[in-house]
Amino acid sequence: MEELAVKLIADGVQKKVISPGKGELSTFPNGTKVKFHYRTSLCDGTVLDDSRTMGGKSKPMELILGKKFKLPVWEQVVTTMREGEIADFTCDVKHTALYPMVSLSLRNISQGKDPLEGQRHCCGVAQVHSHHSIGHHDLDKLQAHPQPLVFTLEMLQVLPPGSFQLEIWAMTDEEKLEAIPQIHEEGNALFKSGDIAEAAEKYYNAIACLKNLQMKERPGDEHWIKLDLMITPLLLNYCQCKLLLGQYYEVLDHCSSIINKYEDNVKAYFKRGKAHAAVWNEAEARADFAKVIILEPSLETSVAKELRAMEERIREKQKEEKGRYKNLFNYSDKASAAATTG
């Protein structure tokens, strides 16, 4: 088999083409969108991340060139690729030092979490040199002992500027703020049409975007509070979706975070009460529903309905457990009788 040629394409970056792809090489002006699959490995072959399997699904990476992605070497190497091309890029430590933070964001996104979860409010270089665990053993190890990495990329699509709708992650801060009301409306429309999972994703994207902007502000400052007041209704809508999808513990977490900041938020108490009831936390549910009535007496009928539903579920559960124990004792009695006559 013919040896694949290894070519130095930049200082500390070697490229090995595995499959050459097709067509002309793009000039990749700023604003070009590239979609590609990636696999990140240590030089000994240990795989750290694979976009085809991350989070249990296959989702390619999308980059808008010129938007200062946290890992500049990716912007550099994709501009050497044609559509359909597969290549290995071996990159020295100076290009890979920030990879643990990038990987953490990508892993969070694949699991439906905030991309910034687990990251401290400081620059990437400061995080690399801190001893703060980022919650993944392999990334902690890489952060403590940076080393060269091999990125295996498959270029799926190259889209010139203006040929696609700009994704929220690629917008400027001003564009993001302008886009939020539209994304909110799109989420509401999906919710009304019964597409709950898609609506949740819309709300999540808007929340993550606003939190990204909020990270640039000092907590408690006027602009931080303004952004937080935009996040809260989106987060409540997200929680309503999660209630319908049966993801009750996530609802408990988010509603508690709202209540910690805004202790008179009736909707947060109501949704948290429903989530508590769903996971059999009867005392906590009753406490939340009682708070709802104190804050908003007009919701007494709605609260009474939720309490009746919870009490009915509890009765059904007790009845089911009683029957199960009865059958268990009957079986034990029969087994004892059989042993005696034997």
Protein backbone atom coordinates (compact mmCIF):
# COMPACT_ATOMS: atom_id res chain seq x y z
CA MET A 1 0.00 0.00 0.00
CA GLU A 2 1.30 3.43 -0.94
CA GLU A 3 2.64 5.52 1.98
CA LEU A 4 0.46 8.57 2.60
CA ALA A 5 2.46 11.80 2.21
CA VAL A 6 2.90 13.98 5.29
CA LYS A 7 3.20 17.69 4.59
CA LEU A 8 4.12 20.58 6.90
CA ILE A 9 1.39 23.18 6.25
CA ALA A 10 2.27 25.62 9.06
CA ASP A 11 4.68 25.93 11.96
CA GLY A 12 3.87 22.97 14.23
CA VAL A 13 1.10 21.56 11.98
CA GLN A 14 1.56 18.44 9.80
CA LYS A 15 -1.11 17.25 7.35
CA LYS A 16 -1.63 13.73 6.02
CA VAL A 17 -4.35 13.37 3.37
CA ILE A 18 -6.32 10.14 3.77
CA SER A 19 -8.87 10.80 1.00
CA PRO A 20 -8.39 13.76 -1.39
CA GLY A 21 -11.95 15.04 -1.79
CA LYS A 22 -13.27 16.69 -4.94
CA GLY A 23 -13.63 20.00 -6.75
CA GLU A 24 -11.63 23.20 -6.51
CA LEU A 25 -10.13 24.43 -3.25
CA SER A 26 -12.17 27.38 -1.92
CA THR A 27 -10.48 30.71 -1.22
CA PHE A 28 -12.27 30.68 2.19
CA PRO A 29 -13.02 34.40 2.63
CA ASN A 30 -14.09 35.54 6.11
CA GLY A 31 -17.72 34.58 6.72
CA THR A 32 -17.38 31.19 4.97
CA LYS A 33 -19.23 28.43 6.79
CA VAL A 34 -17.59 24.98 6.98
CA LYS A 35 -19.25 21.79 8.20
CA PHE A 36 -16.98 18.89 9.13
CA HIS A 37 -16.75 15.80 11.29
CA TYR A 38 -13.79 15.60 13.64
CA ARG A 39 -12.04 13.02 15.77
CA THR A 40 -9.48 14.20 18.32
CA SER A 41 -6.79 11.74 19.42
CA LEU A 42 -3.61 11.67 21.43
CA CYS A 43 -0.52 10.69 19.47
CA ASP A 44 -0.78 7.14 20.92
CA GLY A 45 -4.19 6.75 19.26
CA THR A 46 -6.35 7.34 22.36
CA VAL A 47 -9.56 9.04 21.17
CA LEU A 48 -10.74 12.04 23.21
CA ASP A 49 -13.71 13.23 21.13
CA ASP A 50 -15.57 12.08 18.02
CA SER A 51 -18.37 14.19 16.52
CA ARG A 52 -19.98 11.04 15.08
CA THR A 53 -20.61 9.57 18.53
CA MET A 54 -20.49 12.50 20.97
CA GLY A 55 -23.59 12.69 23.16
CA GLY A 56 -24.91 9.51 21.56
CA LYS A 57 -25.54 11.15 18.18
CA SER A 58 -23.71 12.14 15.01
CA LYS A 59 -23.52 15.95 14.73
CA PRO A 60 -20.89 17.66 12.57
CA MET A 61 -19.02 20.76 13.68
CA GLU A 62 -19.95 24.08 12.08
CA LEU A 63 -17.53 27.01 11.95
CA ILE A 64 -17.86 30.51 10.52
CA LEU A 65 -14.38 31.62 9.49
CA GLY A 66 -13.15 34.94 10.85
CA LYS A 67 -15.24 34.77 14.05
CA LYS A 68 -12.19 34.05 16.29
CA PHE A 69 -13.01 30.48 17.29
CA LYS A 70 -11.28 29.49 20.56
CA LEU A 71 -9.08 26.97 18.73
CA PRO A 72 -7.50 29.03 15.90
CA VAL A 73 -5.68 26.02 14.43
CA TRP A 74 -9.01 24.53 13.30
CA GLU A 75 -9.74 27.66 11.27
CA GLN A 76 -6.24 27.35 9.83
CA VAL A 77 -6.37 23.68 8.81
CA VAL A 78 -9.87 23.62 7.29
CA THR A 79 -8.77 26.18 4.72
CA THR A 80 -6.47 23.53 3.21
CA MET A 81 -9.38 21.09 2.58
CA ARG A 82 -11.74 20.37 -0.31
CA GLU A 83 -15.29 19.08 0.14
CA GLY A 84 -15.23 15.33 0.80
CA GLU A 85 -11.58 15.38 1.87
CA ILE A 86 -10.44 13.41 4.93
CA ALA A 87 -7.11 14.31 6.54
CA ASP A 88 -5.09 13.94 9.74
CA PHE A 89 -3.59 17.10 11.23
CA THR A 90 -0.91 16.58 13.91
CA CYS A 91 -0.60 19.79 15.90
CA ASP A 92 2.07 20.82 18.40
CA VAL A 93 1.22 21.86 21.97
CA LYS A 94 1.29 25.57 21.14
CA HIS A 95 -1.81 24.96 18.96
CA THR A 96 -3.62 22.60 21.35
CA ALA A 97 -3.23 24.18 24.82
CA LEU A 98 -6.82 25.47 24.83
CA TYR A 99 -8.35 22.21 23.57
CA PRO A 100 -9.62 21.04 27.02
CA MET A 101 -11.86 24.14 27.26
CA VAL A 102 -13.05 23.76 23.66
CA SER A 103 -13.75 20.07 24.24
CA LEU A 104 -15.70 20.84 27.42
CA SER A 105 -17.96 23.27 25.52
CA LEU A 106 -18.51 20.75 22.70
CA ARG A 107 -19.33 17.97 25.18
CA ASN A 108 -21.77 20.25 27.04
CA ILE A 109 -23.53 21.17 23.79
CA SER A 110 -23.83 17.50 22.77
CA GLN A 111 -25.57 16.78 26.12
CA GLY A 112 -27.91 19.76 25.89
CA LYS A 113 -26.11 21.73 28.58
CA ASP A 114 -24.89 25.31 28.73
CA PRO A 115 -21.66 25.42 26.63
CA LEU A 116 -20.01 27.47 29.40
CA GLU A 117 -20.97 25.13 32.25
CA GLY A 118 -17.89 24.15 34.27
CA GLN A 119 -15.81 27.06 33.01
CA ARG A 120 -14.62 29.79 35.34
CA HIS A 121 -15.18 33.45 34.65
CA CYS A 122 -11.65 34.03 33.36
CA CYS A 123 -9.73 33.79 30.13
CA GLY A 124 -8.89 30.44 28.58
CA VAL A 125 -5.16 30.69 29.28
CA ALA A 126 -5.83 31.32 32.99
CA GLN A 127 -8.06 28.25 33.09
CA VAL A 128 -5.40 26.11 31.45
CA HIS A 129 -2.90 27.04 34.16
CA SER A 130 -5.35 26.66 37.05
CA HIS A 131 -5.78 23.44 39.02
CA HIS A 132 -9.57 23.63 38.79
CA SER A 133 -11.13 20.34 37.64
CA ILE A 134 -13.38 20.70 34.62
CA GLY A 135 -15.28 17.52 35.37
CA HIS A 136 -13.72 15.10 32.87
CA HIS A 137 -10.71 13.02 33.90
CA ASP A 138 -9.21 12.90 30.39
CA LEU A 139 -9.49 16.67 29.96
CA ASP A 140 -8.12 17.35 33.45
CA LYS A 141 -5.11 15.20 32.56
CA LEU A 142 -4.62 16.99 29.23
CA GLN A 143 -4.98 20.38 30.91
CA ALA A 144 -2.33 19.48 33.52
CA HIS A 145 0.02 17.95 30.92
CA PRO A 146 -0.58 19.57 27.49
CA GLN A 147 0.56 17.48 24.54
CA PRO A 148 0.32 17.36 20.73
CA LEU A 149 -3.01 16.20 19.32
CA VAL A 150 -4.14 14.60 16.07
CA PHE A 151 -7.32 16.03 14.52
CA THR A 152 -8.89 13.77 11.90
CA LEU A 153 -11.27 15.94 9.87
CA GLU A 154 -13.76 15.09 7.14
CA MET A 155 -14.90 18.18 5.23
CA LEU A 156 -18.61 17.83 4.48
CA GLN A 157 -19.56 21.24 3.11
CA VAL A 158 -18.07 24.65 2.33
CA LEU A 159 -20.65 27.46 2.09
CA PRO A 160 -19.61 30.93 0.85
CA PRO A 161 -20.70 34.05 2.79
CA GLY A 162 -24.31 35.07 2.16
CA SER A 163 -25.42 31.59 1.05
CA PHE A 164 -26.79 30.57 4.47
CA GLN A 165 -28.68 31.97 7.45
CA LEU A 166 -26.28 33.10 10.16
CA GLU A 167 -26.34 30.86 13.25
CA ILE A 168 -26.75 32.57 16.61
CA TRP A 169 -23.25 31.46 17.75
CA ALA A 170 -21.70 33.32 14.80
CA MET A 171 -23.47 36.65 15.46
CA THR A 172 -21.99 39.75 17.02
CA ASP A 173 -23.26 40.69 20.50
CA GLU A 174 -25.59 43.28 18.95
CA GLU A 175 -26.94 40.78 16.40
CA LYS A 176 -27.56 38.23 19.17
CA LEU A 177 -29.63 40.68 21.23
CA GLU A 178 -31.67 41.60 18.15
CA ALA A 179 -32.26 37.92 17.29
CA ILE A 180 -33.48 36.78 20.75
CA PRO A 181 -37.14 37.94 20.40
CA GLN A 182 -37.40 36.13 17.05
CA ILE A 183 -35.95 32.90 18.50
CA HIS A 184 -38.36 33.23 21.45
CA GLU A 185 -41.30 33.50 19.02
CA GLU A 186 -40.05 30.52 17.00
CA GLY A 187 -39.93 28.50 20.22
CA ASN A 188 -43.47 29.56 21.11
CA ALA A 189 -44.74 28.57 17.65
CA LEU A 190 -43.10 25.14 17.91
CA PHE A 191 -44.60 24.68 21.39
CA LYS A 192 -48.10 25.57 20.17
CA SER A 193 -47.77 23.11 17.28
CA GLY A 194 -46.87 20.34 19.75
CA ASP A 195 -43.20 20.05 18.77
CA ILE A 196 -42.03 20.22 22.39
CA ALA A 197 -38.47 18.91 21.95
CA GLU A 198 -37.73 21.38 19.13
CA ALA A 199 -39.26 24.23 21.14
CA ALA A 200 -37.03 23.31 24.11
CA GLU A 201 -33.98 23.46 21.83
CA LYS A 202 -34.96 26.94 20.60
CA TYR A 203 -35.39 28.22 24.16
CA TYR A 204 -32.11 26.56 25.19
CA ASN A 205 -30.19 28.22 22.35
CA ALA A 206 -31.56 31.64 23.28
CA ILE A 207 -30.75 31.09 26.98
CA ALA A 208 -27.19 29.93 26.24
CA CYS A 209 -26.67 32.94 23.98
CA LEU A 210 -27.85 35.39 26.65
CA LYS A 211 -25.73 33.66 29.31
CA ASN A 212 -22.74 34.04 27.01
CA LEU A 213 -23.40 37.80 26.88
CA GLN A 214 -23.99 37.85 30.64
CA MET A 215 -20.56 36.32 31.26
CA LYS A 216 -19.05 39.58 29.98
CA GLU A 217 -20.87 41.64 32.62
CA ARG A 218 -20.26 42.05 36.35
CA PRO A 219 -22.95 40.10 38.29
CA GLY A 220 -25.54 42.50 39.70
CA ASP A 221 -24.69 45.37 37.35
CA GLU A 222 -27.53 47.03 35.43
CA HIS A 223 -26.81 45.29 32.11
CA TRP A 224 -26.32 41.90 33.84
CA ILE A 225 -29.76 42.29 35.50
CA LYS A 226 -31.33 43.33 32.19
CA LEU A 227 -29.98 40.18 30.53
CA ASP A 228 -31.12 38.05 33.48
CA LEU A 229 -34.65 39.41 33.13
CA MET A 230 -34.56 38.30 29.48
CA ILE A 231 -33.28 34.84 30.47
CA THR A 232 -35.96 34.16 33.13
CA PRO A 233 -39.08 33.89 30.88
CA LEU A 234 -37.12 31.78 28.38
CA LEU A 235 -35.98 29.50 31.20
CA LEU A 236 -39.56 29.13 32.46
CA ASN A 237 -40.70 28.18 28.95
CA TYR A 238 -37.82 25.69 28.77
CA CYS A 239 -38.95 24.22 32.11
CA GLN A 240 -42.52 23.85 30.79
CA CYS A 241 -41.12 21.81 27.88
CA LYS A 242 -39.04 19.69 30.25
CA LEU A 243 -42.12 19.03 32.43
CA LEU A 244 -43.97 17.72 29.37
CA LEU A 245 -40.93 15.65 28.37
CA GLY A 246 -40.77 14.09 31.87
CA GLN A 247 -37.36 15.56 32.77
CA TYR A 248 -38.45 16.63 36.25
CA TYR A 249 -35.09 16.94 38.02
CA GLU A 250 -33.89 19.47 35.46
CA VAL A 251 -37.06 21.48 36.16
CA LEU A 252 -36.33 21.35 39.91
CA ASP A 253 -32.79 22.68 39.34
CA HIS A 254 -33.76 25.53 37.01
CA CYS A 255 -36.83 26.67 38.97
CA SER A 256 -34.82 26.65 42.20
CA SER A 257 -32.17 28.85 40.56
CA ILE A 258 -34.90 31.32 39.53
CA ILE A 259 -36.47 31.32 43.01
CA ASN A 260 -33.06 31.93 44.60
CA LYS A 261 -32.86 35.19 42.65
CA TYR A 262 -36.54 36.11 42.37
CA GLU A 263 -38.37 34.72 45.39
CA ASP A 264 -41.74 36.09 44.27
CA ASN A 265 -41.76 34.31 40.88
CA VAL A 266 -45.11 32.50 40.92
CA LYS A 267 -44.50 30.53 37.73
CA ALA A 268 -41.24 29.10 39.09
CA TYR A 269 -42.99 27.92 42.29
CA PHE A 270 -45.87 26.43 40.30
CA LYS A 271 -43.63 24.52 37.88
CA ARG A 272 -41.35 23.36 40.69
CA GLY A 273 -44.41 22.18 42.63
CA LYS A 274 -45.53 20.11 39.63
CA ALA A 275 -42.02 18.63 39.27
CA HIS A 276 -41.91 17.76 43.01
CA ALA A 277 -45.31 16.09 42.72
CA ALA A 278 -44.13 14.07 39.70
CA VAL A 279 -41.16 12.63 41.63
CA TRP A 280 -43.21 11.90 44.81
CA ASN A 281 -41.84 14.79 46.90
CA GLU A 282 -45.27 15.39 48.47
CA ALA A 283 -44.20 17.76 51.28
CA GLU A 284 -42.09 19.93 48.93
CA ALA A 285 -44.89 20.04 46.35
CA ARG A 286 -47.44 21.15 48.96
CA ALA A 287 -45.04 23.86 50.21
CA ASP A 288 -44.53 25.23 46.68
CA PHE A 289 -48.25 25.17 45.87
CA ALA A 290 -49.01 26.94 49.18
CA LYS A 291 -46.51 29.65 48.20
CA VAL A 292 -48.26 30.02 44.82
CA ILE A 293 -51.59 30.77 46.54
CA ILE A 294 -49.95 33.30 48.86
CA LEU A 295 -48.35 35.11 45.90
CA GLU A 296 -51.29 34.76 43.53
CA PRO A 297 -54.64 33.86 45.22
CA SER A 298 -56.40 33.73 41.83
CA LEU A 299 -54.50 30.48 41.09
CA GLU A 300 -56.19 28.62 43.96
CA THR A 301 -58.38 26.59 41.56
CA SER A 302 -55.37 25.55 39.47
CA VAL A 303 -53.43 24.59 42.60
CA ALA A 304 -56.39 22.56 43.93
CA LYS A 305 -56.48 20.66 40.64
CA GLU A 306 -52.76 19.83 40.88
CA LEU A 307 -53.13 18.72 44.51
CA ARG A 308 -56.05 16.44 43.64
CA ALA A 309 -54.05 14.88 40.82
CA MET A 310 -51.08 14.34 43.14
CA GLU A 311 -53.26 12.82 45.88
CA GLU A 312 -54.87 10.48 43.36
CA ARG A 313 -51.45 9.32 42.14
CA ILE A 314 -50.32 8.74 45.71
CA ARG A 315 -53.47 6.66 46.46
CA GLU A 316 -52.90 4.60 43.31
CA LYS A 317 -49.28 4.02 44.27
CA GLN A 318 -50.20 2.96 47.82
CA LYS A 319 -52.89 0.63 46.47
CA GLU A 320 -50.40 -0.91 44.03
CA GLU A 321 -47.78 -1.38 46.76
CA LYS A 322 -50.37 -2.90 49.13
CA GLY A 323 -51.33 -5.42 46.44
CA ARG A 324 -47.69 -6.24 45.78
CA TYR A 325 -47.00 -6.91 49.49
CA LYS A 326 -50.20 -8.97 49.77
CA ASN A 327 -49.11 -11.20 46.87
CA LEU A 328 -45.66 -11.49 48.43
CA PHE A 329 -47.09 -12.66 51.78
CA ASN A 330 -49.49 -15.08 50.03
CA TYR A 331 -46.56 -16.58 48.15
CA SER A 332 -44.55 -16.88 51.40
CA ASP A 333 -47.47 -18.62 53.17
CA LYS A 334 -47.91 -21.10 50.29
CA ALA A 335 -44.18 -21.79 50.19
CA SER A 336 -44.13 -22.45 53.95
CA ALA A 337 -47.14 -24.79 53.72
CA ALA A 338 -45.54 -26.71 50.85
CA ALA A 339 -42.30 -27.06 52.84
CA THR A 340 -44.24 -28.39 55.90
CA THR A 341 -46.26 -30.99 53.95
CA GLY A 342 -43.16 -32.04 52.08
